[in-house]
Amino acid sequence: MAKRKKTDDPSPDNLDPQNDADNFGLPDLEYKPLEEEETSDELQEEAEEPVKEETQPQASHEEEERKTEVEEETFVPEEEGSSKAPAIIITIIALVIIAASGLIYYYVYLPKAAAKEKARQEQEAKLLKEREEAARLAREEEERRRHAADSAANVVTKPAIGEIVTLTERTRRYYVVVTSSIDGDLAMDFARKLSAKGVSTKIIPPFGKWNFYRLAVGDFETFAEAQASADSSKGEYGDGVWVIKY
């Protein structure tokens, strides 16, 4: 499109009839060249670019700060979570160990200890029973030996028929008297009965102011020995057993 040069000079020289013919009688229009418009747009963009360059770093810096804050906010919980995890794991392991220890103590150690204690008590009871049985057998053996020795002594010392001795003089010994009679024949009859049982006797004739025949079943050196024998003989001869010195 052809462009006309605008002039503001209203001089007669500019009023060219030929020009008026070219305009077809239409009024003149104001316009700007495209180059000038493009130049003005470029200048405006160049003028605006420094402003954008100055504001752009500030915006990016704010974005970086926001990103850093977001990263810090999101990173802290991760650190807290990761720091609590070992403690939780250790606590769980400790609880498991304690529970396992309790189960082992109640279901393994205590039954074994009870069985061991029971076995120990049974062993002690068995040993005690064996000791008691051994002591009983020893007592029985000792009793048997004693009876055998007594039986052998009785066979040796006790004759089949007891000896009857009539004293004719005083001996200064102590005698255990079981009976006394006024007649010597009565004393001899009792002596024969005892002799048939294997008991040896001695007939003491009357002496002093007493006219009695006394029958003694034993004589001793001392009064104490004679009295002990008399006390032991009361069960067989009665309470009338006494001791005299002849």
C-alpha atoms as a PDB file:
ATOM      1  CA  MET A   1       0.000   0.000   0.000  1.00  0.00           C
ATOM      2  CA  ALA A   2       1.334   3.394  -0.926  1.00  0.00           C
ATOM      3  CA  LYS A   3       1.981   5.703   1.950  1.00  0.00           C
ATOM      4  CA  ARG A   4       1.648   9.318   1.804  1.00  0.00           C
ATOM      5  CA  LYS A   5       3.824  11.722   3.624  1.00  0.00           C
ATOM      6  CA  LYS A   6       1.896  13.775   5.990  1.00  0.00           C
ATOM      7  CA  THR A   7       2.593  17.443   5.983  1.00  0.00           C
ATOM      8  CA  ASP A   8       1.281  20.039   8.242  1.00  0.00           C
ATOM      9  CA  ASP A   9       2.146  22.901   5.939  1.00  0.00           C
ATOM     10  CA  PRO A  10      -1.079  24.424   4.592  1.00  0.00           C
ATOM     11  CA  SER A  11       0.767  26.474   2.067  1.00  0.00           C
ATOM     12  CA  PRO A  12      -0.643  26.857  -1.389  1.00  0.00           C
ATOM     13  CA  ASP A  13       2.201  24.876  -2.736  1.00  0.00           C
ATOM     14  CA  ASN A  14       0.967  21.830  -0.973  1.00  0.00           C
ATOM     15  CA  LEU A  15      -2.513  22.216  -2.341  1.00  0.00           C
ATOM     16  CA  ASP A  16      -1.919  20.369  -5.499  1.00  0.00           C
ATOM     17  CA  PRO A  17      -4.962  19.675  -7.607  1.00  0.00           C
ATOM     18  CA  GLN A  18      -3.307  16.525  -8.814  1.00  0.00           C
ATOM     19  CA  ASN A  19      -3.028  15.345  -5.255  1.00  0.00           C
ATOM     20  CA  ASP A  20      -6.594  16.095  -4.668  1.00  0.00           C
ATOM     21  CA  ALA A  21      -7.391  14.023  -7.639  1.00  0.00           C
ATOM     22  CA  ASP A  22      -5.439  11.107  -6.196  1.00  0.00           C
ATOM     23  CA  ASN A  23      -7.418  11.299  -2.938  1.00  0.00           C
ATOM     24  CA  PHE A  24     -10.622  11.080  -4.787  1.00  0.00           C
ATOM     25  CA  GLY A  25     -11.895  13.936  -2.765  1.00  0.00           C
ATOM     26  CA  LEU A  26     -11.542  11.996   0.518  1.00  0.00           C
ATOM     27  CA  PRO A  27     -10.068  13.601   3.599  1.00  0.00           C
ATOM     28  CA  ASP A  28      -6.496  12.778   4.540  1.00  0.00           C
ATOM     29  CA  LEU A  29      -5.948  10.125   7.178  1.00  0.00           C
ATOM     30  CA  GLU A  30      -3.309  10.238   9.855  1.00  0.00           C
ATOM     31  CA  TYR A  31      -1.074   7.179   9.980  1.00  0.00           C
ATOM     32  CA  LYS A  32       2.302   6.095  11.244  1.00  0.00           C
ATOM     33  CA  PRO A  33       4.814   4.127   9.380  1.00  0.00           C
ATOM     34  CA  LEU A  34       5.160   0.419  10.271  1.00  0.00           C
ATOM     35  CA  GLU A  35       8.855   0.831  10.848  1.00  0.00           C
ATOM     36  CA  GLU A  36       8.253   3.515  13.363  1.00  0.00           C
ATOM     37  CA  GLU A  37       5.642   1.316  15.142  1.00  0.00           C
ATOM     38  CA  GLU A  38       8.009  -1.648  15.181  1.00  0.00           C
ATOM     39  CA  THR A  39      10.814   0.565  16.412  1.00  0.00           C
ATOM     40  CA  SER A  40       8.640   1.962  19.159  1.00  0.00           C
ATOM     41  CA  ASP A  41       7.568  -1.543  20.218  1.00  0.00           C
ATOM     42  CA  GLU A  42      11.172  -2.716  20.335  1.00  0.00           C
ATOM     43  CA  LEU A  43      12.194   0.296  22.352  1.00  0.00           C
ATOM     44  CA  GLN A  44       9.337  -0.326  24.737  1.00  0.00           C
ATOM     45  CA  GLU A  45      10.385  -3.980  25.116  1.00  0.00           C
ATOM     46  CA  GLU A  46      14.000  -2.950  25.654  1.00  0.00           C
ATOM     47  CA  ALA A  47      12.863  -0.447  28.239  1.00  0.00           C
ATOM     48  CA  GLU A  48      10.799  -3.088  30.017  1.00  0.00           C
ATOM     49  CA  GLU A  49      13.475  -5.823  29.905  1.00  0.00           C
ATOM     50  CA  PRO A  50      15.797  -4.287  32.560  1.00  0.00           C
ATOM     51  CA  VAL A  51      12.878  -4.092  34.906  1.00  0.00           C
ATOM     52  CA  LYS A  52      12.138  -7.768  34.322  1.00  0.00           C
ATOM     53  CA  GLU A  53      15.787  -8.633  34.767  1.00  0.00           C
ATOM     54  CA  GLU A  54      15.884  -6.784  38.056  1.00  0.00           C
ATOM     55  CA  THR A  55      12.677  -8.401  39.427  1.00  0.00           C
ATOM     56  CA  GLN A  56      13.368 -11.938  38.161  1.00  0.00           C
ATOM     57  CA  PRO A  57      16.275 -12.725  40.582  1.00  0.00           C
ATOM     58  CA  GLN A  58      14.204 -11.610  43.521  1.00  0.00           C
ATOM     59  CA  ALA A  59      11.369 -13.935  42.565  1.00  0.00           C
ATOM     60  CA  SER A  60      13.706 -16.880  42.034  1.00  0.00           C
ATOM     61  CA  HIS A  61      15.363 -16.191  45.406  1.00  0.00           C
ATOM     62  CA  GLU A  62      11.995 -16.239  47.140  1.00  0.00           C
ATOM     63  CA  GLU A  63      11.129 -19.479  45.385  1.00  0.00           C
ATOM     64  CA  GLU A  64      14.401 -21.021  46.518  1.00  0.00           C
ATOM     65  CA  GLU A  65      13.713 -19.947  50.123  1.00  0.00           C
ATOM     66  CA  ARG A  66      10.228 -21.455  49.937  1.00  0.00           C
ATOM     67  CA  LYS A  67      11.677 -24.669  48.504  1.00  0.00           C
ATOM     68  CA  THR A  68      14.290 -24.783  51.299  1.00  0.00           C
ATOM     69  CA  GLU A  69      11.625 -24.217  53.942  1.00  0.00           C
ATOM     70  CA  VAL A  70       9.452 -26.942  52.424  1.00  0.00           C
ATOM     71  CA  GLU A  71      12.404 -29.328  52.297  1.00  0.00           C
ATOM     72  CA  GLU A  72      13.293 -28.544  55.911  1.00  0.00           C
ATOM     73  CA  GLU A  73       9.685 -29.004  57.027  1.00  0.00           C
ATOM     74  CA  THR A  74       9.398 -32.299  55.206  1.00  0.00           C
ATOM     75  CA  PHE A  75      12.860 -33.477  56.309  1.00  0.00           C
ATOM     76  CA  VAL A  76      12.404 -32.898  60.043  1.00  0.00           C
ATOM     77  CA  PRO A  77       9.631 -35.477  60.470  1.00  0.00           C
ATOM     78  CA  GLU A  78      11.771 -37.982  58.606  1.00  0.00           C
ATOM     79  CA  GLU A  79      14.612 -37.395  61.077  1.00  0.00           C
ATOM     80  CA  GLU A  80      12.230 -37.639  64.019  1.00  0.00           C
ATOM     81  CA  GLY A  81      10.648 -40.790  62.644  1.00  0.00           C
ATOM     82  CA  SER A  82      13.998 -42.372  61.891  1.00  0.00           C
ATOM     83  CA  SER A  83      15.332 -41.439  65.349  1.00  0.00           C
ATOM     84  CA  LYS A  84      12.344 -43.068  67.118  1.00  0.00           C
ATOM     85  CA  ALA A  85      12.491 -46.281  65.101  1.00  0.00           C
ATOM     86  CA  PRO A  86      15.647 -47.733  66.795  1.00  0.00           C
ATOM     87  CA  ALA A  87      14.239 -46.963  70.241  1.00  0.00           C
ATOM     88  CA  ILE A  88      10.974 -48.700  69.394  1.00  0.00           C
ATOM     89  CA  ILE A  89      12.831 -51.699  67.971  1.00  0.00           C
ATOM     90  CA  ILE A  90      15.057 -51.919  71.061  1.00  0.00           C
ATOM     91  CA  THR A  91      12.010 -51.704  73.344  1.00  0.00           C
ATOM     92  CA  ILE A  92      10.229 -54.465  71.431  1.00  0.00           C
ATOM     93  CA  ILE A  93      13.345 -56.668  71.553  1.00  0.00           C
ATOM     94  CA  ALA A  94      13.700 -56.040  75.304  1.00  0.00           C
ATOM     95  CA  LEU A  95      10.039 -56.960  75.893  1.00  0.00           C
ATOM     96  CA  VAL A  96      10.452 -60.112  73.828  1.00  0.00           C
ATOM     97  CA  ILE A  97      13.570 -61.069  75.803  1.00  0.00           C
ATOM     98  CA  ILE A  98      11.802 -60.440  79.137  1.00  0.00           C
ATOM     99  CA  ALA A  99       8.776 -62.467  78.057  1.00  0.00           C
ATOM    100  CA  ALA A 100      10.978 -65.293  76.818  1.00  0.00           C
ATOM    101  CA  SER A 101      12.968 -65.229  80.061  1.00  0.00           C
ATOM    102  CA  GLY A 102       9.752 -65.419  82.090  1.00  0.00           C
ATOM    103  CA  LEU A 103       8.458 -68.326  80.048  1.00  0.00           C
ATOM    104  CA  ILE A 104      11.774 -70.161  80.361  1.00  0.00           C
ATOM    105  CA  TYR A 105      11.831 -69.513  84.115  1.00  0.00           C
ATOM    106  CA  TYR A 106       8.274 -70.690  84.785  1.00  0.00           C
ATOM    107  CA  TYR A 107       8.032 -73.542  82.279  1.00  0.00           C
ATOM    108  CA  VAL A 108      11.627 -74.821  82.117  1.00  0.00           C
ATOM    109  CA  TYR A 109      13.684 -73.778  85.150  1.00  0.00           C
ATOM    110  CA  LEU A 110      11.028 -74.219  87.865  1.00  0.00           C
ATOM    111  CA  PRO A 111       9.914 -77.698  86.699  1.00  0.00           C
ATOM    112  CA  LYS A 112      13.537 -78.834  86.504  1.00  0.00           C
ATOM    113  CA  ALA A 113      14.287 -77.389  89.947  1.00  0.00           C
ATOM    114  CA  ALA A 114      11.185 -79.056  91.397  1.00  0.00           C
ATOM    115  CA  ALA A 115      12.107 -82.398  89.825  1.00  0.00           C
ATOM    116  CA  LYS A 116      15.666 -82.080  91.121  1.00  0.00           C
ATOM    117  CA  GLU A 117      14.438 -81.217  94.627  1.00  0.00           C
ATOM    118  CA  LYS A 118      12.006 -84.146  94.557  1.00  0.00           C
ATOM    119  CA  ALA A 119      14.780 -86.504  93.453  1.00  0.00           C
ATOM    120  CA  ARG A 120      17.028 -85.173  96.223  1.00  0.00           C
ATOM    121  CA  GLN A 121      14.335 -85.690  98.856  1.00  0.00           C
ATOM    122  CA  GLU A 122      13.631 -89.199  97.578  1.00  0.00           C
ATOM    123  CA  GLN A 123      17.345 -89.989  97.684  1.00  0.00           C
ATOM    124  CA  GLU A 124      17.624 -88.664 101.248  1.00  0.00           C
ATOM    125  CA  ALA A 125      14.555 -90.673 102.305  1.00  0.00           C
ATOM    126  CA  LYS A 126      16.029 -93.784 100.711  1.00  0.00           C
ATOM    127  CA  LEU A 127      19.374 -93.280 102.463  1.00  0.00           C
ATOM    128  CA  LEU A 128      17.613 -92.651 105.783  1.00  0.00           C
ATOM    129  CA  LYS A 129      15.552 -95.805 105.341  1.00  0.00           C
ATOM    130  CA  GLU A 130      18.664 -97.791 104.507  1.00  0.00           C
ATOM    131  CA  ARG A 131      20.455 -96.435 107.596  1.00  0.00           C
ATOM    132  CA  GLU A 132      17.476 -97.278 109.795  1.00  0.00           C
ATOM    133  CA  GLU A 133      17.287-100.761 108.319  1.00  0.00           C
ATOM    134  CA  ALA A 134      21.005-101.264 108.854  1.00  0.00           C
ATOM    135  CA  ALA A 135      20.682-100.068 112.464  1.00  0.00           C
ATOM    136  CA  ARG A 136      17.733-102.409 113.029  1.00  0.00           C
ATOM    137  CA  LEU A 137      19.643-105.359 111.611  1.00  0.00           C
ATOM    138  CA  ALA A 138      22.635-104.453 113.773  1.00  0.00           C
ATOM    139  CA  ARG A 139      20.433-104.338 116.876  1.00  0.00           C
ATOM    140  CA  GLU A 140      18.856-107.657 116.016  1.00  0.00           C
ATOM    141  CA  GLU A 141      22.258-109.199 115.414  1.00  0.00           C
ATOM    142  CA  GLU A 142      23.547-107.823 118.702  1.00  0.00           C
ATOM    143  CA  GLU A 143      20.485-109.124 120.518  1.00  0.00           C
ATOM    144  CA  ARG A 144      20.910-112.527 118.931  1.00  0.00           C
ATOM    145  CA  ARG A 145      24.555-112.662 119.920  1.00  0.00           C
ATOM    146  CA  ARG A 146      23.735-111.610 123.470  1.00  0.00           C
ATOM    147  CA  HIS A 147      21.086-114.278 123.783  1.00  0.00           C
ATOM    148  CA  ALA A 148      23.471-116.838 122.364  1.00  0.00           C
ATOM    149  CA  ALA A 149      26.161-115.797 124.847  1.00  0.00           C
ATOM    150  CA  ASP A 150      23.681-115.910 127.733  1.00  0.00           C
ATOM    151  CA  SER A 151      22.490-119.312 126.643  1.00  0.00           C
ATOM    152  CA  ALA A 152      26.062-120.588 126.429  1.00  0.00           C
ATOM    153  CA  ALA A 153      26.870-119.136 129.865  1.00  0.00           C
ATOM    154  CA  ASN A 154      23.773-120.721 131.362  1.00  0.00           C
ATOM    155  CA  VAL A 155      24.697-124.070 129.929  1.00  0.00           C
ATOM    156  CA  VAL A 156      28.197-123.824 131.407  1.00  0.00           C
ATOM    157  CA  THR A 157      27.447-122.330 134.840  1.00  0.00           C
ATOM    158  CA  LYS A 158      24.069-123.834 135.614  1.00  0.00           C
ATOM    159  CA  PRO A 159      24.185-127.560 136.340  1.00  0.00           C
ATOM    160  CA  ALA A 160      21.288-129.759 135.566  1.00  0.00           C
ATOM    161  CA  ILE A 161      20.780-130.175 139.340  1.00  0.00           C
ATOM    162  CA  GLY A 162      21.533-127.361 141.753  1.00  0.00           C
ATOM    163  CA  GLU A 163      24.073-127.873 144.511  1.00  0.00           C
ATOM    164  CA  ILE A 164      22.914-127.880 148.143  1.00  0.00           C
ATOM    165  CA  VAL A 165      25.505-126.837 150.717  1.00  0.00           C
ATOM    166  CA  THR A 166      24.983-126.690 154.487  1.00  0.00           C
ATOM    167  CA  LEU A 167      27.305-124.175 156.136  1.00  0.00           C
ATOM    168  CA  THR A 168      29.060-125.245 159.337  1.00  0.00           C
ATOM    169  CA  GLU A 169      30.942-122.062 160.192  1.00  0.00           C
ATOM    170  CA  ARG A 170      30.687-118.361 159.580  1.00  0.00           C
ATOM    171  CA  THR A 171      32.303-116.887 156.432  1.00  0.00           C
ATOM    172  CA  ARG A 172      31.791-113.117 156.981  1.00  0.00           C
ATOM    173  CA  ARG A 173      29.991-112.887 153.613  1.00  0.00           C
ATOM    174  CA  TYR A 174      26.574-111.470 152.707  1.00  0.00           C
ATOM    175  CA  TYR A 175      23.833-113.935 151.721  1.00  0.00           C
ATOM    176  CA  VAL A 176      20.555-113.485 149.897  1.00  0.00           C
ATOM    177  CA  VAL A 177      17.961-115.395 151.943  1.00  0.00           C
ATOM    178  CA  VAL A 178      14.704-116.493 150.266  1.00  0.00           C
ATOM    179  CA  THR A 179      13.120-118.484 153.094  1.00  0.00           C
ATOM    180  CA  SER A 180      13.505-119.204 156.799  1.00  0.00           C
ATOM    181  CA  SER A 181      12.090-122.125 158.838  1.00  0.00           C
ATOM    182  CA  ILE A 182      12.256-123.469 162.391  1.00  0.00           C
ATOM    183  CA  ASP A 183      12.880-126.989 161.150  1.00  0.00           C
ATOM    184  CA  GLY A 184      15.971-127.932 159.142  1.00  0.00           C
ATOM    185  CA  ASP A 185      14.009-130.545 157.188  1.00  0.00           C
ATOM    186  CA  LEU A 186      11.701-127.882 155.808  1.00  0.00           C
ATOM    187  CA  ALA A 187      14.693-125.885 154.683  1.00  0.00           C
ATOM    188  CA  MET A 188      16.145-128.976 152.991  1.00  0.00           C
ATOM    189  CA  ASP A 189      12.881-129.741 151.203  1.00  0.00           C
ATOM    190  CA  PHE A 190      12.784-126.245 149.704  1.00  0.00           C
ATOM    191  CA  ALA A 191      16.473-126.558 148.743  1.00  0.00           C
ATOM    192  CA  ARG A 192      15.760-129.768 146.854  1.00  0.00           C
ATOM    193  CA  LYS A 193      12.963-128.106 144.879  1.00  0.00           C
ATOM    194  CA  LEU A 194      15.296-125.299 143.842  1.00  0.00           C
ATOM    195  CA  SER A 195      18.060-127.776 143.063  1.00  0.00           C
ATOM    196  CA  ALA A 196      15.742-129.584 140.666  1.00  0.00           C
ATOM    197  CA  LYS A 197      15.434-126.284 138.771  1.00  0.00           C
ATOM    198  CA  GLY A 198      19.206-125.930 138.595  1.00  0.00           C
ATOM    199  CA  VAL A 199      19.474-123.401 141.430  1.00  0.00           C
ATOM    200  CA  SER A 200      22.308-123.919 143.896  1.00  0.00           C
ATOM    201  CA  THR A 201      21.492-123.068 147.500  1.00  0.00           C
ATOM    202  CA  LYS A 202      23.171-122.804 150.882  1.00  0.00           C
ATOM    203  CA  ILE A 203      21.558-123.691 154.209  1.00  0.00           C
ATOM    204  CA  ILE A 204      22.589-121.401 157.072  1.00  0.00           C
ATOM    205  CA  PRO A 205      22.128-123.056 160.470  1.00  0.00           C
ATOM    206  CA  PRO A 206      20.743-121.104 163.474  1.00  0.00           C
ATOM    207  CA  PHE A 207      23.177-118.630 165.053  1.00  0.00           C
ATOM    208  CA  GLY A 208      22.976-115.910 167.592  1.00  0.00           C
ATOM    209  CA  LYS A 209      19.665-115.536 169.381  1.00  0.00           C
ATOM    210  CA  TRP A 210      17.609-116.765 166.397  1.00  0.00           C
ATOM    211  CA  ASN A 211      16.864-120.497 166.079  1.00  0.00           C
ATOM    212  CA  PHE A 212      15.960-120.528 162.372  1.00  0.00           C
ATOM    213  CA  TYR A 213      17.350-122.330 159.372  1.00  0.00           C
ATOM    214  CA  ARG A 214      17.784-119.921 156.461  1.00  0.00           C
ATOM    215  CA  LEU A 215      18.030-120.867 152.774  1.00  0.00           C
ATOM    216  CA  ALA A 216      20.250-118.578 150.648  1.00  0.00           C
ATOM    217  CA  VAL A 217      20.405-118.483 146.828  1.00  0.00           C
ATOM    218  CA  GLY A 218      23.600-116.455 146.583  1.00  0.00           C
ATOM    219  CA  ASP A 219      26.485-114.951 148.543  1.00  0.00           C
ATOM    220  CA  PHE A 220      28.534-111.783 147.889  1.00  0.00           C
ATOM    221  CA  GLU A 221      31.553-109.948 149.198  1.00  0.00           C
ATOM    222  CA  THR A 222      29.700-106.680 149.881  1.00  0.00           C
ATOM    223  CA  PHE A 223      26.274-105.748 151.138  1.00  0.00           C
ATOM    224  CA  ALA A 224      25.555-103.603 148.079  1.00  0.00           C
ATOM    225  CA  GLU A 225      26.090-106.496 145.729  1.00  0.00           C
ATOM    226  CA  ALA A 226      23.948-108.782 147.872  1.00  0.00           C
ATOM    227  CA  GLN A 227      21.158-106.178 148.095  1.00  0.00           C
ATOM    228  CA  ALA A 228      21.156-105.671 144.331  1.00  0.00           C
ATOM    229  CA  SER A 229      20.797-109.392 143.814  1.00  0.00           C
ATOM    230  CA  ALA A 230      18.029-109.559 146.426  1.00  0.00           C
ATOM    231  CA  ASP A 231      16.098-106.781 144.663  1.00  0.00           C
ATOM    232  CA  SER A 232      16.366-108.584 141.338  1.00  0.00           C
ATOM    233  CA  SER A 233      15.263-111.873 142.945  1.00  0.00           C
ATOM    234  CA  LYS A 234      12.046-110.465 144.411  1.00  0.00           C
ATOM    235  CA  GLY A 235      10.234-111.015 141.159  1.00  0.00           C
ATOM    236  CA  GLU A 236      10.887-114.748 141.409  1.00  0.00           C
ATOM    237  CA  TYR A 237      10.862-115.393 145.198  1.00  0.00           C
ATOM    238  CA  GLY A 238       8.587-112.614 146.447  1.00  0.00           C
ATOM    239  CA  ASP A 239       9.140-109.501 148.532  1.00  0.00           C
ATOM    240  CA  GLY A 240      10.341-111.590 151.511  1.00  0.00           C
ATOM    241  CA  VAL A 241      13.894-111.780 150.131  1.00  0.00           C
ATOM    242  CA  TRP A 242      16.476-110.139 152.433  1.00  0.00           C
ATOM    243  CA  VAL A 243      20.238-109.983 153.078  1.00  0.00           C
ATOM    244  CA  ILE A 244      22.121-111.231 156.136  1.00  0.00           C
ATOM    245  CA  LYS A 245      25.782-111.486 157.026  1.00  0.00           C
ATOM    246  CA  TYR A 246      27.048-114.881 158.241  1.00  0.00           C
END
